[in-house]
């Protein structure tokens, strides 16, 4: 198992979510646990609903600012 950071982008927000990746010799490797997959879904849903309080309990949240050159 190895900790990995997954990035979720929704609207003007981005989240860094820490998950555990499981590696094995089968063809499905690497994969997430059900709990980590649900955590990613929960963060994405919270960001879609602008529920930053919930999202910030599960991930590190950033507000993205466009740069006009």
C-alpha atoms as a PDB file:
ATOM      1  CA  UNK A   1       0.000   0.000   0.000  1.00  0.00           C
ATOM      2  CA  UNK A   2       1.156   3.495  -0.777  1.00  0.00           C
ATOM      3  CA  UNK A   3      -0.281   6.909   0.092  1.00  0.00           C
ATOM      4  CA  UNK A   4      -1.006   9.031  -2.957  1.00  0.00           C
ATOM      5  CA  UNK A   5      -2.520  12.465  -3.501  1.00  0.00           C
ATOM      6  CA  UNK A   6      -5.453  12.641  -5.907  1.00  0.00           C
ATOM      7  CA  UNK A   7      -6.506  15.985  -7.388  1.00  0.00           C
ATOM      8  CA  UNK A   8     -10.159  16.933  -7.852  1.00  0.00           C
ATOM      9  CA  UNK A   9     -11.127  20.063  -9.782  1.00  0.00           C
ATOM     10  CA  UNK A  10     -14.656  21.471  -9.584  1.00  0.00           C
ATOM     11  CA  UNK A  11     -15.490  25.002 -10.689  1.00  0.00           C
ATOM     12  CA  UNK A  12     -13.138  27.486  -9.040  1.00  0.00           C
ATOM     13  CA  UNK A  13     -11.914  24.953  -6.461  1.00  0.00           C
ATOM     14  CA  UNK A  14      -9.293  22.244  -6.385  1.00  0.00           C
ATOM     15  CA  UNK A  15      -8.825  19.619  -3.687  1.00  0.00           C
ATOM     16  CA  UNK A  16      -5.857  17.443  -2.763  1.00  0.00           C
ATOM     17  CA  UNK A  17      -7.188  14.193  -1.316  1.00  0.00           C
ATOM     18  CA  UNK A  18      -4.891  11.683   0.379  1.00  0.00           C
ATOM     19  CA  UNK A  19      -5.790   8.071  -0.470  1.00  0.00           C
ATOM     20  CA  UNK A  20      -4.147   4.676  -0.065  1.00  0.00           C
ATOM     21  CA  UNK A  21      -3.360   2.841  -3.294  1.00  0.00           C
ATOM     22  CA  UNK A  22      -3.179  -0.949  -3.019  1.00  0.00           C
ATOM     23  CA  UNK A  23      -0.751  -2.712  -5.329  1.00  0.00           C
ATOM     24  CA  UNK A  24      -0.928  -6.412  -6.156  1.00  0.00           C
ATOM     25  CA  UNK A  25      -0.046  -8.822  -8.943  1.00  0.00           C
ATOM     26  CA  UNK A  26      -3.556  -8.950 -10.415  1.00  0.00           C
ATOM     27  CA  UNK A  27      -4.758  -6.978 -13.435  1.00  0.00           C
ATOM     28  CA  UNK A  28      -6.791  -4.510 -11.313  1.00  0.00           C
ATOM     29  CA  UNK A  29      -3.723  -3.136  -9.565  1.00  0.00           C
ATOM     30  CA  UNK A  30      -3.400  -0.449  -8.305  1.00  0.00           C
ATOM     31  CA  UNK A  31      -6.791   0.194  -6.757  1.00  0.00           C
ATOM     32  CA  UNK A  32      -8.533   2.201  -4.037  1.00  0.00           C
ATOM     33  CA  UNK A  33     -10.478   0.915  -1.081  1.00  0.00           C
ATOM     34  CA  UNK A  34     -14.216   1.512  -1.128  1.00  0.00           C
ATOM     35  CA  UNK A  35     -13.770   4.028   1.690  1.00  0.00           C
ATOM     36  CA  UNK A  36     -11.224   6.066  -0.283  1.00  0.00           C
ATOM     37  CA  UNK A  37     -13.387   5.973  -3.425  1.00  0.00           C
ATOM     38  CA  UNK A  38     -16.325   7.234  -1.342  1.00  0.00           C
ATOM     39  CA  UNK A  39     -14.093   9.947   0.138  1.00  0.00           C
ATOM     40  CA  UNK A  40     -13.213  11.169  -3.374  1.00  0.00           C
ATOM     41  CA  UNK A  41     -16.908  11.192  -4.281  1.00  0.00           C
ATOM     42  CA  UNK A  42     -17.792  13.085  -1.088  1.00  0.00           C
ATOM     43  CA  UNK A  43     -15.161  15.758  -1.741  1.00  0.00           C
ATOM     44  CA  UNK A  44     -16.328  16.180  -5.359  1.00  0.00           C
ATOM     45  CA  UNK A  45     -19.973  16.482  -4.257  1.00  0.00           C
ATOM     46  CA  UNK A  46     -19.108  18.974  -1.490  1.00  0.00           C
ATOM     47  CA  UNK A  47     -17.169  21.149  -3.957  1.00  0.00           C
ATOM     48  CA  UNK A  48     -20.059  21.014  -6.462  1.00  0.00           C
ATOM     49  CA  UNK A  49     -22.386  22.247  -3.703  1.00  0.00           C
ATOM     50  CA  UNK A  50     -19.890  24.910  -2.510  1.00  0.00           C
ATOM     51  CA  UNK A  51     -19.797  23.114   0.864  1.00  0.00           C
ATOM     52  CA  UNK A  52     -16.214  24.045   1.676  1.00  0.00           C
ATOM     53  CA  UNK A  53     -16.578  23.137   5.343  1.00  0.00           C
ATOM     54  CA  UNK A  54     -17.296  19.482   4.523  1.00  0.00           C
ATOM     55  CA  UNK A  55     -14.699  19.337   1.744  1.00  0.00           C
ATOM     56  CA  UNK A  56     -12.006  20.808   3.997  1.00  0.00           C
ATOM     57  CA  UNK A  57     -12.569  18.053   6.574  1.00  0.00           C
ATOM     58  CA  UNK A  58     -11.601  15.468   3.944  1.00  0.00           C
ATOM     59  CA  UNK A  59      -9.038  17.292   1.818  1.00  0.00           C
ATOM     60  CA  UNK A  60      -6.844  20.339   1.388  1.00  0.00           C
ATOM     61  CA  UNK A  61      -8.879  22.895  -0.603  1.00  0.00           C
ATOM     62  CA  UNK A  62      -7.629  25.614  -2.957  1.00  0.00           C
ATOM     63  CA  UNK A  63      -9.448  28.380  -4.778  1.00  0.00           C
ATOM     64  CA  UNK A  64      -8.222  28.709  -8.357  1.00  0.00           C
ATOM     65  CA  UNK A  65      -7.679  32.159  -9.798  1.00  0.00           C
ATOM     66  CA  UNK A  66      -7.430  32.642 -13.560  1.00  0.00           C
ATOM     67  CA  UNK A  67      -4.473  34.613 -14.858  1.00  0.00           C
ATOM     68  CA  UNK A  68      -5.158  36.889 -17.797  1.00  0.00           C
ATOM     69  CA  UNK A  69      -2.018  37.693 -19.763  1.00  0.00           C
END
